[in-house]
Amino acid sequence: MHLWNPPFCGDMDMLIRKDGTWIHEGKPIRRTAMVELFASILMLDKDGEYYLVTPVEKVRIKVEDCPFVILDMDVTGTGKQQVLSFTSNIGEVVNAGKGHELSIEVAAVSGEPHPILHMRSGLNALVNRAVFYRLVDLVQELQSESGEQMTGIWSGGVFFEIDSQHQ
């Protein structure tokens, strides 16, 4: 898909809500297979906009937050050998690690955490609240080589640091 460069054909009346619901012309798309199909051709362009892209057309859609939502998490191993496997609302399973970074941003105004996982090709998934609470239980503290205390979570041999002031 990344090699396709079709002409822009306009905007489509499609929205992906923050909760992961796909809306077309004001109505939720109920067929899982249809959502999975659309998700397979979704891309985030350099302009920061989301598009559905085929070999012959490119249409812009709206996304409230992240296009996907993490609904479940499995944990295997501990410490540096720990692997966090996340399942999205479209059934994709991704192991957090190199290329699939886990981050927790904090909203400036509300102070609310905004945990996200990079799924693929610039597309992120919002980690739902239940999974986020399970993640919090896995937070560890380490001492860096320079002697600084670091707070974060291991997965796939990568330590994802979390800013301690935002916990």
Protein backbone atom coordinates (compact mmCIF):
# COMPACT_ATOMS: atom_id res chain seq x y z
CA MET A 1 0.00 0.00 0.00
CA HIS A 2 2.84 2.42 0.78
CA LEU A 3 3.80 2.33 -2.93
CA TRP A 4 0.34 3.30 -4.13
CA ASN A 5 0.05 6.94 -5.13
CA PRO A 6 -3.49 7.42 -6.44
CA PRO A 7 -5.07 10.84 -6.92
CA PHE A 8 -6.99 12.45 -4.06
CA CYS A 9 -10.70 11.94 -4.72
CA GLY A 10 -12.18 14.04 -1.91
CA ASP A 11 -13.61 13.54 1.53
CA MET A 12 -15.71 10.57 2.56
CA ASP A 13 -18.41 10.91 5.21
CA MET A 14 -16.61 8.48 7.51
CA LEU A 15 -15.45 8.97 11.09
CA ILE A 16 -13.55 6.76 13.50
CA ARG A 17 -14.68 7.69 17.00
CA LYS A 18 -12.39 7.72 20.02
CA ASP A 19 -14.03 4.48 21.22
CA GLY A 20 -13.06 2.74 17.94
CA THR A 21 -16.52 2.84 16.35
CA TRP A 22 -16.45 3.39 12.59
CA ILE A 23 -19.26 5.67 11.40
CA HIS A 24 -20.31 6.00 7.74
CA GLU A 25 -22.87 8.63 6.76
CA GLY A 26 -23.89 9.02 10.40
CA LYS A 27 -24.44 5.30 11.09
CA PRO A 28 -22.11 2.80 12.79
CA ILE A 29 -20.63 0.13 10.55
CA ARG A 30 -21.80 -3.09 12.21
CA ARG A 31 -20.10 -5.64 9.97
CA THR A 32 -16.73 -6.51 11.49
CA ALA A 33 -15.40 -7.72 8.13
CA MET A 34 -16.15 -4.32 6.58
CA VAL A 35 -14.33 -2.46 9.38
CA GLU A 36 -11.36 -4.83 9.01
CA LEU A 37 -11.31 -4.19 5.25
CA PHE A 38 -11.34 -0.41 5.70
CA ALA A 39 -8.68 -0.69 8.43
CA SER A 40 -6.43 -2.62 6.04
CA ILE A 41 -6.36 0.31 3.59
CA LEU A 42 -6.15 3.09 6.19
CA MET A 43 -3.08 5.29 6.17
CA LEU A 44 -1.82 8.39 7.95
CA ASP A 45 -0.33 10.71 5.34
CA LYS A 46 2.56 13.15 5.75
CA ASP A 47 -0.03 15.94 5.98
CA GLY A 48 -1.33 14.45 9.27
CA GLU A 49 -4.64 13.41 7.69
CA TYR A 50 -6.11 9.91 7.51
CA TYR A 51 -6.99 8.35 4.16
CA LEU A 52 -8.46 5.16 2.78
CA VAL A 53 -6.18 4.28 -0.12
CA THR A 54 -6.65 1.84 -2.99
CA PRO A 55 -4.52 1.53 -6.13
CA VAL A 56 -6.91 3.93 -7.94
CA GLU A 57 -8.25 6.37 -5.32
CA LYS A 58 -7.49 8.15 -2.07
CA VAL A 59 -10.29 9.51 0.13
CA ARG A 60 -9.90 11.47 3.36
CA ILE A 61 -11.74 10.39 6.51
CA LYS A 62 -11.89 11.84 10.02
CA VAL A 63 -10.42 10.24 13.14
CA GLU A 64 -11.30 11.66 16.58
CA ASP A 65 -8.21 10.32 18.34
CA CYS A 66 -6.40 7.12 17.36
CA PRO A 67 -7.88 4.93 14.63
CA PHE A 68 -7.69 1.78 16.77
CA VAL A 69 -8.37 0.85 20.39
CA ILE A 70 -6.52 -1.73 22.47
CA LEU A 71 -9.06 -4.01 24.16
CA ASP A 72 -6.87 -6.67 25.76
CA MET A 73 -3.33 -7.44 26.84
CA ASP A 74 -1.43 -10.65 27.55
CA VAL A 75 1.79 -10.67 29.55
CA THR A 76 4.50 -13.31 29.29
CA GLY A 77 7.83 -13.34 31.11
CA THR A 78 9.15 -10.81 33.59
CA GLY A 79 11.71 -8.02 33.68
CA LYS A 80 13.70 -7.59 30.47
CA GLN A 81 12.15 -10.80 29.09
CA GLN A 82 8.61 -9.51 29.57
CA VAL A 83 6.49 -9.29 26.42
CA LEU A 84 3.22 -7.39 26.29
CA SER A 85 0.87 -8.60 23.55
CA PHE A 86 -1.98 -6.23 22.76
CA THR A 87 -5.19 -7.02 20.87
CA SER A 88 -6.98 -4.22 19.04
CA ASN A 89 -10.64 -3.70 18.25
CA ILE A 90 -10.02 -5.04 14.75
CA GLY A 91 -8.37 -8.22 16.00
CA GLU A 92 -4.75 -7.24 15.30
CA VAL A 93 -2.27 -8.56 17.85
CA VAL A 94 0.90 -6.53 18.35
CA ASN A 95 3.78 -7.12 20.74
CA ALA A 96 5.10 -3.88 22.23
CA GLY A 97 8.80 -3.52 21.47
CA LYS A 98 11.03 -2.07 18.78
CA GLY A 99 8.78 -0.73 16.02
CA HIS A 100 5.70 -1.01 18.23
CA GLU A 101 6.36 1.65 20.83
CA LEU A 102 4.22 2.18 23.88
CA SER A 103 3.88 5.73 25.18
CA ILE A 104 1.80 7.55 27.72
CA GLU A 105 1.21 11.19 26.96
CA VAL A 106 -0.54 13.39 29.49
CA ALA A 107 -3.20 15.93 28.51
CA ALA A 108 -1.95 19.39 29.47
CA VAL A 109 -5.32 20.70 30.63
CA SER A 110 -6.91 17.69 32.34
CA GLY A 111 -3.76 15.83 33.39
CA GLU A 112 -5.36 12.62 32.09
CA PRO A 113 -3.05 9.93 30.75
CA HIS A 114 -3.32 9.14 27.06
CA PRO A 115 -1.68 5.72 26.57
CA ILE A 116 -1.03 4.72 22.97
CA LEU A 117 0.62 1.86 21.12
CA HIS A 118 2.11 2.22 17.65
CA MET A 119 0.45 -0.47 15.53
CA ARG A 120 1.85 0.00 12.01
CA SER A 121 2.82 2.64 9.45
CA GLY A 122 2.23 5.61 11.75
CA LEU A 123 -1.14 4.28 12.94
CA ASN A 124 -1.69 4.20 16.69
CA ALA A 125 -4.12 2.54 19.03
CA LEU A 126 -5.51 4.11 22.18
CA VAL A 127 -5.10 1.76 25.15
CA ASN A 128 -8.50 1.43 26.82
CA ARG A 129 -8.89 2.22 30.50
CA ALA A 130 -9.07 -1.39 31.75
CA VAL A 131 -5.85 -2.35 29.94
CA PHE A 132 -4.18 0.88 31.09
CA TYR A 133 -4.85 -0.03 34.74
CA ARG A 134 -3.25 -3.42 34.13
CA LEU A 135 -0.25 -1.64 32.58
CA VAL A 136 0.13 0.54 35.65
CA ASP A 137 0.56 -2.63 37.74
CA LEU A 138 3.59 -3.53 35.58
CA VAL A 139 5.46 -0.24 36.07
CA GLN A 140 9.01 -0.67 37.40
CA GLU A 141 11.74 1.64 38.55
CA LEU A 142 15.28 1.33 37.23
CA GLN A 143 18.49 3.23 37.73
CA SER A 144 20.04 4.54 34.51
CA GLU A 145 23.76 4.30 33.78
CA SER A 146 24.05 7.94 34.84
CA GLY A 147 22.39 7.15 38.18
CA GLU A 148 18.99 8.68 37.43
CA GLN A 149 15.83 6.91 38.54
CA MET A 150 13.66 5.86 35.58
CA THR A 151 10.07 4.66 35.70
CA GLY A 152 8.60 2.54 32.93
CA ILE A 153 7.52 -0.79 31.53
CA TRP A 154 9.50 -3.57 29.82
CA SER A 155 8.33 -5.29 26.65
CA GLY A 156 10.23 -7.06 23.92
CA GLY A 157 13.59 -6.06 25.39
CA VAL A 158 12.68 -2.36 25.31
CA PHE A 159 12.15 -0.24 28.41
CA PHE A 160 9.37 2.27 27.71
CA GLU A 161 10.06 5.14 30.06
CA ILE A 162 7.17 6.95 31.65
CA ASP A 163 7.66 10.44 33.00
CA SER A 164 7.46 9.98 36.77
CA GLN A 165 5.84 13.37 37.32
CA HIS A 166 2.75 12.17 35.42
CA GLN A 167 1.99 8.97 37.31
